[in-house]
Amino acid sequence: MSEIGIGLVGGGYMGKAHAVALSAVAAIFDTALRPRLEVVAATTRASASRYARVYGFARGTSDWRDLVADPKVQAVVIASPQSTHRAIAEAAFAAGKPVFCEKPLGASLEDAKAMVAAAEASGQPNMIGFNYVRTPATQFVRQLLADGVIGRVTWFRGEHTEDFLSDPDAPATWRTMGRANGCMGDLAPHPINCMLALMGPVAELSARIETVHPTRPGGTVDNDDHGQLMLRFTSGAMGHLYISRTATGRKMGYAYEIHGTKGSIRFDQEDQNSVHLYRAEGPEATRGFTRILTGPAHPDYLPFCQGPGHGTGYQDQIIIEARDFLKAIYSGQPVWPTFRDGLAVSQIIDTAYQASDDGRWHAVPEV
């Protein structure tokens, strides 16, 4: 087993998740490459030193450029705010280093296009972090759809609903400032990625994007709280997507329902180890949704646990991502989702804003 030096930019919420994943991935998946935690970068020298000590990195730095330039860093993981993604990725690719970047791919469609151009010009492995789509349950759903278990798919309904800003008296913060930090920039990339993975490309869409609470204690809100998209997929199927950070009572409402000519599928991330499958077969009196608990027979479950129904969790999704990134580096072959897949998500978000502004249906440009 060969070692590979890792540099991690950002030590906060997602930085910690990636640090833990990089420490555990070789033991769980017996990867051909074993991560060696070399450098972690944070906004201050003190926080970088603390992250290095707690997470097990050889050293910390307050300058991500120092991390990228370090010869012991052979691959870069970006877990910093999206406004920083483009500059870090471009520098890492210019230095000939593979990059894993948290979603979204930059703070704008322009950023996303530039990052894809830099990645593909460098020829280096690149991946974007959409962790929820990697649950054993959703991987299983992808298999069901590919195998035609529910027949020709006719309709998709997806959502990503949370309530962390449902209280109108919650104070204004950085999350309520700037389009990139709004609901479409923050939450929407996840369900859009899921939708594309399950349903394929979107041909056209209509959208409404709104601010629910335009003022909050301490300031004015200048970005969106929720949005809805009506969709026509290139397959011909219809769809609907709703994204909200003001959905009172919802904590991790990453959910979808899919109708086909031979059955239906339901999934909700708040019950992430279950898939509900309906098959239109047999006597009507005995038909109904079957709750399938994930277990060793489902994708990427067994390395974590041998017991059916015991379940996997949020951190396990990040470990699966780390496995995939190491596989892309070791094999030299792209592993989904790449930066170009991230660009497809950014393109839909940009098109949705245009559609919301003029109230018309818009074709989604090909990526």
Protein backbone atom coordinates (compact mmCIF):
# COMPACT_ATOMS: atom_id res chain seq x y z
CA MET A 1 0.00 0.00 0.00
CA SER A 2 1.43 3.38 -1.08
CA GLU A 3 1.06 6.61 0.84
CA ILE A 4 -0.17 9.91 -0.59
CA GLY A 5 0.28 13.28 1.13
CA ILE A 6 -2.95 15.21 1.61
CA GLY A 7 -3.44 18.94 2.09
CA LEU A 8 -6.81 20.05 3.52
CA VAL A 9 -8.00 23.63 3.08
CA GLY A 10 -10.52 24.43 5.81
CA GLY A 11 -10.80 22.84 9.22
CA GLY A 12 -14.36 23.68 10.22
CA TYR A 13 -17.56 21.64 9.83
CA MET A 14 -16.73 19.98 6.52
CA GLY A 15 -12.98 20.13 7.11
CA LYS A 16 -13.38 17.95 10.20
CA ALA A 17 -15.57 15.48 8.28
CA HIS A 18 -12.93 15.14 5.56
CA ALA A 19 -10.08 14.84 8.06
CA VAL A 20 -11.88 12.00 9.85
CA ALA A 21 -12.70 10.33 6.53
CA LEU A 22 -9.10 10.52 5.32
CA SER A 23 -7.92 8.98 8.58
CA ALA A 24 -10.38 6.08 8.35
CA VAL A 25 -10.75 5.30 4.65
CA ALA A 26 -7.77 2.96 4.22
CA ALA A 27 -8.83 0.78 7.15
CA ILE A 28 -12.46 0.56 6.01
CA PHE A 29 -11.96 0.01 2.28
CA ASP A 30 -8.36 -1.33 2.19
CA THR A 31 -7.51 1.30 -0.41
CA ALA A 32 -4.46 1.01 -2.63
CA LEU A 33 -3.45 4.50 -1.51
CA ARG A 34 -3.19 5.36 2.20
CA PRO A 35 -3.66 9.08 2.97
CA ARG A 36 -0.91 10.80 4.92
CA LEU A 37 -2.19 13.97 6.56
CA GLU A 38 0.44 16.60 5.78
CA VAL A 39 -0.95 20.15 5.96
CA VAL A 40 -4.22 21.76 7.05
CA ALA A 41 -4.91 25.41 6.20
CA ALA A 42 -7.22 27.73 8.15
CA THR A 43 -7.83 31.47 8.39
CA THR A 44 -5.51 32.03 11.36
CA ARG A 45 -2.26 30.46 12.49
CA ALA A 46 -3.78 29.56 15.84
CA SER A 47 -6.76 27.72 14.38
CA ALA A 48 -4.54 25.96 11.83
CA SER A 49 -2.24 24.74 14.59
CA ARG A 50 -5.22 23.52 16.62
CA TYR A 51 -6.71 21.67 13.65
CA ALA A 52 -3.35 20.07 12.90
CA ARG A 53 -3.08 18.82 16.47
CA VAL A 54 -6.66 17.58 16.77
CA TYR A 55 -6.96 16.01 13.30
CA GLY A 56 -3.45 14.57 13.12
CA PHE A 57 -1.84 16.69 10.37
CA ALA A 58 1.92 17.15 10.36
CA ARG A 59 1.51 20.93 10.39
CA GLY A 60 -0.92 23.80 9.95
CA THR A 61 -0.74 27.03 7.98
CA SER A 62 -2.80 30.20 7.67
CA ASP A 63 -2.00 30.51 3.95
CA TRP A 64 -3.51 27.96 1.56
CA ARG A 65 -0.87 28.92 -1.04
CA ASP A 66 1.76 27.52 1.29
CA LEU A 67 -0.23 24.26 1.44
CA VAL A 68 -0.56 23.97 -2.34
CA ALA A 69 3.15 24.66 -2.87
CA ASP A 70 4.33 22.13 -0.26
CA PRO A 71 6.09 19.23 -2.07
CA LYS A 72 4.81 16.78 0.55
CA VAL A 73 1.23 17.63 -0.42
CA GLN A 74 0.37 15.43 -3.40
CA ALA A 75 -3.41 15.99 -3.47
CA VAL A 76 -5.64 18.82 -2.24
CA VAL A 77 -9.04 18.67 -0.55
CA ILE A 78 -10.98 21.97 -0.53
CA ALA A 79 -13.44 22.40 2.35
CA SER A 80 -13.38 26.20 2.62
CA PRO A 81 -16.11 28.75 1.69
CA GLN A 82 -17.21 28.56 -1.94
CA SER A 83 -15.88 32.02 -2.72
CA THR A 84 -12.37 30.55 -2.28
CA HIS A 85 -12.83 27.37 -4.34
CA ARG A 86 -11.78 28.69 -7.73
CA ALA A 87 -8.45 30.25 -6.74
CA ILE A 88 -7.37 27.23 -4.70
CA ALA A 89 -8.34 24.71 -7.37
CA GLU A 90 -6.64 26.65 -10.16
CA ALA A 91 -3.44 26.89 -8.14
CA ALA A 92 -3.48 23.19 -7.26
CA PHE A 93 -4.05 22.13 -10.86
CA ALA A 94 -1.27 24.47 -12.02
CA ALA A 95 0.99 22.66 -9.53
CA GLY A 96 0.00 19.31 -11.02
CA LYS A 97 -2.03 18.08 -8.05
CA PRO A 98 -5.40 16.25 -7.96
CA VAL A 99 -8.27 18.16 -6.33
CA PHE A 100 -11.37 17.19 -4.40
CA CYS A 101 -13.66 20.20 -3.90
CA GLU A 102 -16.71 20.49 -1.71
CA LYS A 103 -19.93 21.59 -3.38
CA PRO A 104 -20.78 23.90 -5.02
CA LEU A 105 -18.16 24.29 -7.73
CA GLY A 106 -17.27 27.88 -6.91
CA ALA A 107 -19.53 30.80 -6.12
CA SER A 108 -20.94 31.27 -9.64
CA LEU A 109 -21.39 29.66 -13.04
CA GLU A 110 -18.34 31.61 -14.22
CA ASP A 111 -16.28 30.07 -11.40
CA ALA A 112 -17.53 26.59 -12.25
CA LYS A 113 -16.63 26.91 -15.92
CA ALA A 114 -13.16 28.21 -15.07
CA MET A 115 -12.56 25.35 -12.62
CA VAL A 116 -13.59 22.73 -15.17
CA ALA A 117 -11.28 24.32 -17.74
CA ALA A 118 -8.38 24.27 -15.27
CA ALA A 119 -9.07 20.67 -14.26
CA GLU A 120 -9.29 19.36 -17.79
CA ALA A 121 -6.28 21.34 -19.01
CA SER A 122 -4.19 19.87 -16.18
CA GLY A 123 -5.29 16.28 -16.79
CA GLN A 124 -5.38 15.77 -13.01
CA PRO A 125 -8.05 13.70 -11.21
CA ASN A 126 -10.86 15.91 -9.92
CA MET A 127 -14.02 15.31 -7.92
CA ILE A 128 -16.76 17.36 -6.32
CA GLY A 129 -18.34 16.52 -2.98
CA PHE A 130 -21.98 15.48 -3.14
CA ASN A 131 -22.05 13.14 -0.16
CA TYR A 132 -25.79 12.42 0.24
CA VAL A 133 -26.07 10.68 -3.11
CA ARG A 134 -23.56 8.10 -1.84
CA THR A 135 -25.75 6.49 0.81
CA PRO A 136 -26.19 2.74 0.23
CA ALA A 137 -29.92 3.45 -0.12
CA THR A 138 -29.61 5.98 -2.95
CA GLN A 139 -26.94 3.91 -4.68
CA PHE A 140 -29.42 1.03 -4.55
CA VAL A 141 -32.14 3.24 -6.05
CA ARG A 142 -29.82 4.07 -8.95
CA GLN A 143 -29.45 0.33 -9.56
CA LEU A 144 -33.22 -0.20 -9.43
CA LEU A 145 -33.77 2.51 -12.03
CA ALA A 146 -30.96 1.24 -14.28
CA ASP A 147 -32.46 -2.26 -14.13
CA GLY A 148 -35.91 -0.94 -15.07
CA VAL A 149 -37.53 -2.31 -11.91
CA ILE A 150 -40.24 0.37 -11.91
CA GLY A 151 -40.51 0.49 -15.71
CA ARG A 152 -40.38 3.70 -17.72
CA VAL A 153 -40.01 6.62 -15.33
CA THR A 154 -42.74 9.22 -15.79
CA TRP A 155 -42.34 11.64 -12.88
CA PHE A 156 -39.84 12.82 -10.25
CA ARG A 157 -40.39 14.92 -7.14
CA GLY A 158 -37.38 16.00 -5.13
CA GLU A 159 -36.71 18.30 -2.20
CA HIS A 160 -34.02 19.53 0.13
CA THR A 161 -35.79 21.12 3.07
CA GLU A 162 -34.32 22.37 6.35
CA ASP A 163 -35.50 24.85 8.98
CA PHE A 164 -32.37 26.55 10.28
CA LEU A 165 -33.74 29.94 9.14
CA SER A 166 -37.46 29.31 9.62
CA ASP A 167 -37.63 31.60 12.66
CA PRO A 168 -38.13 35.20 11.44
CA ASP A 169 -36.45 36.44 14.62
CA ALA A 170 -33.23 34.54 13.91
CA PRO A 171 -30.50 37.17 13.39
CA ALA A 172 -28.95 38.07 10.05
CA THR A 173 -25.63 36.30 9.46
CA TRP A 174 -23.24 35.62 6.58
CA ARG A 175 -25.76 33.03 5.38
CA THR A 176 -28.29 35.79 4.66
CA MET A 177 -25.84 37.84 2.58
CA GLY A 178 -24.80 37.22 -1.03
CA ARG A 179 -26.44 35.04 -3.67
CA ALA A 180 -23.86 32.27 -3.27
CA ASN A 181 -24.88 31.82 0.39
CA GLY A 182 -28.62 31.70 -0.30
CA CYS A 183 -30.76 28.60 -0.42
CA MET A 184 -30.09 28.01 -4.13
CA GLY A 185 -26.36 28.37 -3.66
CA ASP A 186 -26.11 26.40 -0.42
CA LEU A 187 -28.77 23.65 -0.40
CA ALA A 188 -29.91 23.31 -4.02
CA PRO A 189 -26.69 21.72 -5.38
CA HIS A 190 -27.35 18.52 -3.41
CA PRO A 191 -30.86 17.66 -4.68
CA ILE A 192 -29.99 18.84 -8.20
CA ASN A 193 -27.03 16.46 -8.26
CA CYS A 194 -29.30 13.69 -6.99
CA MET A 195 -31.93 14.49 -9.59
CA LEU A 196 -29.37 14.34 -12.41
CA ALA A 197 -27.96 11.06 -11.09
CA LEU A 198 -31.37 9.42 -10.93
CA MET A 199 -33.17 11.01 -13.88
CA GLY A 200 -30.54 12.21 -16.32
CA PRO A 201 -30.25 15.65 -17.95
CA VAL A 202 -32.89 18.39 -17.73
CA ALA A 203 -34.16 19.75 -21.04
CA GLU A 204 -36.05 22.80 -19.74
CA LEU A 205 -37.30 24.35 -16.54
CA SER A 206 -39.43 27.05 -14.98
CA ALA A 207 -38.66 28.48 -11.53
CA ARG A 208 -39.70 30.74 -8.71
CA ILE A 209 -37.07 31.80 -6.17
CA GLU A 210 -38.07 33.99 -3.20
CA THR A 211 -37.02 35.47 0.12
CA VAL A 212 -39.45 34.52 2.89
CA HIS A 213 -38.10 36.84 5.61
CA PRO A 214 -36.63 39.95 3.91
CA THR A 215 -35.51 41.52 7.19
CA ARG A 216 -34.00 39.97 10.29
CA PRO A 217 -32.61 41.36 13.53
CA GLY A 218 -29.35 43.00 12.62
CA GLY A 219 -29.86 43.45 8.90
CA THR A 220 -31.61 43.00 5.56
CA VAL A 221 -31.65 39.61 3.80
CA ASP A 222 -30.37 39.94 0.25
CA ASN A 223 -30.52 36.30 -0.85
CA ASP A 224 -33.18 33.61 -1.24
CA ASP A 225 -34.88 31.42 1.38
CA HIS A 226 -36.64 28.95 -0.88
CA GLY A 227 -37.26 28.06 -4.50
CA GLN A 228 -39.22 25.65 -6.66
CA LEU A 229 -38.50 24.31 -10.13
CA MET A 230 -40.82 22.67 -12.65
CA LEU A 231 -38.82 20.37 -14.90
CA ARG A 232 -38.91 18.50 -18.16
CA PHE A 233 -36.15 15.91 -18.44
CA THR A 234 -34.63 14.95 -21.77
CA SER A 235 -36.16 11.50 -21.22
CA GLY A 236 -39.57 13.14 -21.49
CA ALA A 237 -40.46 12.67 -17.83
CA MET A 238 -41.83 15.59 -15.80
CA GLY A 239 -40.51 16.69 -12.44
CA HIS A 240 -40.61 19.14 -9.56
CA LEU A 241 -37.93 20.27 -7.10
CA TYR A 242 -38.38 22.31 -3.92
CA ILE A 243 -35.52 23.73 -1.85
CA SER A 244 -35.99 25.58 1.44
CA ARG A 245 -34.10 26.70 4.53
CA THR A 246 -37.36 27.89 6.13
CA ALA A 247 -39.26 24.56 6.11
CA THR A 248 -40.33 24.49 9.76
CA GLY A 249 -39.74 21.07 11.31
CA ARG A 250 -37.55 19.70 8.56
CA LYS A 251 -33.95 18.94 9.56
CA MET A 252 -32.51 16.95 6.64
CA GLY A 253 -35.34 16.73 4.15
CA TYR A 254 -33.28 15.44 1.23
CA ALA A 255 -36.06 13.36 -0.23
CA TYR A 256 -37.45 12.12 -3.52
CA GLU A 257 -40.32 10.15 -5.01
CA ILE A 258 -40.18 8.55 -8.45
CA HIS A 259 -43.11 7.13 -10.40
CA GLY A 260 -42.75 4.57 -13.18
CA THR A 261 -45.05 2.45 -15.30
CA LYS A 262 -44.35 -0.63 -13.15
CA GLY A 263 -43.87 0.86 -9.71
CA SER A 264 -42.67 3.71 -7.51
CA ILE A 265 -39.80 4.56 -5.17
CA ARG A 266 -39.67 6.82 -2.11
CA PHE A 267 -36.67 7.94 -0.05
CA ASP A 268 -36.07 10.46 2.76
CA GLN A 269 -32.63 11.26 4.16
CA GLU A 270 -34.13 11.64 7.65
CA ASP A 271 -34.56 7.86 7.42
CA GLN A 272 -31.46 7.32 5.30
CA ASN A 273 -31.18 3.56 5.74
CA SER A 274 -34.59 2.80 4.22
CA VAL A 275 -35.96 2.67 0.68
CA HIS A 276 -39.69 2.31 0.02
CA LEU A 277 -40.44 0.32 -3.15
CA TYR A 278 -43.84 -0.29 -4.73
CA ARG A 279 -44.21 -2.93 -7.45
CA ALA A 280 -47.35 -2.88 -9.59
CA GLU A 281 -47.71 -6.66 -9.66
CA GLY A 282 -49.83 -9.34 -8.02
CA PRO A 283 -53.37 -8.96 -6.69
CA GLU A 284 -54.43 -5.39 -5.94
CA ALA A 285 -55.44 -6.40 -2.42
CA THR A 286 -51.87 -7.34 -1.51
CA ARG A 287 -50.01 -4.50 -3.20
CA GLY A 288 -48.28 -1.83 -1.15
CA PHE A 289 -44.98 -0.09 -0.52
CA THR A 290 -42.30 -2.36 0.93
CA ARG A 291 -39.80 -0.82 3.32
CA ILE A 292 -36.34 -2.14 2.47
CA LEU A 293 -33.72 -1.74 5.19
CA THR A 294 -30.21 -1.40 3.80
CA GLY A 295 -27.68 -4.06 4.66
CA PRO A 296 -24.61 -5.91 3.34
CA ALA A 297 -26.43 -6.69 0.07
CA HIS A 298 -26.52 -2.99 -0.81
CA PRO A 299 -23.70 -0.86 -2.30
CA ASP A 300 -20.88 0.24 0.06
CA TYR A 301 -22.64 -1.02 3.21
CA LEU A 302 -20.63 -4.12 4.15
CA PRO A 303 -17.28 -2.37 4.74
CA PHE A 304 -18.94 -0.44 7.58
CA CYS A 305 -21.13 -3.10 9.17
CA GLN A 306 -22.03 -6.78 8.75
CA GLY A 307 -25.50 -6.42 10.27
CA PRO A 308 -28.53 -5.69 8.06
CA GLY A 309 -30.59 -2.80 9.34
CA HIS A 310 -27.84 -1.50 11.64
CA GLY A 311 -27.34 1.42 9.26
CA THR A 312 -24.72 3.85 8.06
CA GLY A 313 -24.46 7.55 8.89
CA TYR A 314 -23.38 10.97 7.66
CA GLN A 315 -19.66 10.46 8.28
CA ASP A 316 -19.73 7.21 6.32
CA GLN A 317 -20.86 9.12 3.22
CA ILE A 318 -17.71 11.25 3.43
CA ILE A 319 -15.55 8.15 3.82
CA ILE A 320 -17.07 6.71 0.64
CA GLU A 321 -16.17 10.00 -1.10
CA ALA A 322 -12.58 9.69 0.13
CA ARG A 323 -12.43 6.13 -1.24
CA ASP A 324 -13.62 7.34 -4.63
CA PHE A 325 -11.09 10.20 -4.72
CA LEU A 326 -8.21 7.85 -3.91
CA LYS A 327 -9.47 5.43 -6.55
CA ALA A 328 -9.48 8.20 -9.18
CA ILE A 329 -5.90 9.14 -8.30
CA TYR A 330 -4.63 5.56 -8.23
CA SER A 331 -6.39 4.42 -11.41
CA GLY A 332 -5.95 7.62 -13.39
CA GLN A 333 -9.58 7.23 -14.50
CA PRO A 334 -12.41 9.70 -13.76
CA VAL A 335 -14.74 8.73 -10.92
CA TRP A 336 -18.20 10.31 -10.75
CA PRO A 337 -18.95 13.07 -9.89
CA THR A 338 -16.19 15.09 -11.52
CA PHE A 339 -15.89 18.86 -11.80
CA ARG A 340 -17.84 18.65 -15.06
CA ASP A 341 -20.72 17.03 -13.17
CA GLY A 342 -20.52 19.91 -10.71
CA LEU A 343 -20.73 22.34 -13.63
CA ALA A 344 -23.98 20.68 -14.75
CA VAL A 345 -25.44 21.49 -11.32
CA SER A 346 -24.23 25.10 -11.49
CA GLN A 347 -25.76 25.46 -14.95
CA ILE A 348 -29.20 24.41 -13.70
CA ILE A 349 -29.00 26.85 -10.77
CA ASP A 350 -28.04 29.71 -13.09
CA THR A 351 -30.87 28.80 -15.50
CA ALA A 352 -33.32 28.68 -12.58
CA TYR A 353 -32.41 32.23 -11.57
CA GLN A 354 -33.00 33.41 -15.16
CA ALA A 355 -36.37 31.64 -15.27
CA SER A 356 -37.40 33.12 -11.94
CA ASP A 357 -36.47 36.61 -13.11
CA ASP A 358 -38.52 36.58 -16.32
CA GLY A 359 -41.24 34.04 -15.48
CA ARG A 360 -40.58 31.95 -18.59
CA TRP A 361 -39.55 28.39 -19.36
CA HIS A 362 -35.84 28.15 -20.20
CA ALA A 363 -33.89 25.48 -22.05
CA VAL A 364 -30.95 24.22 -20.00
CA PRO A 365 -27.69 24.54 -21.97
CA GLU A 366 -25.71 21.35 -22.40
CA VAL A 367 -22.50 21.04 -20.41
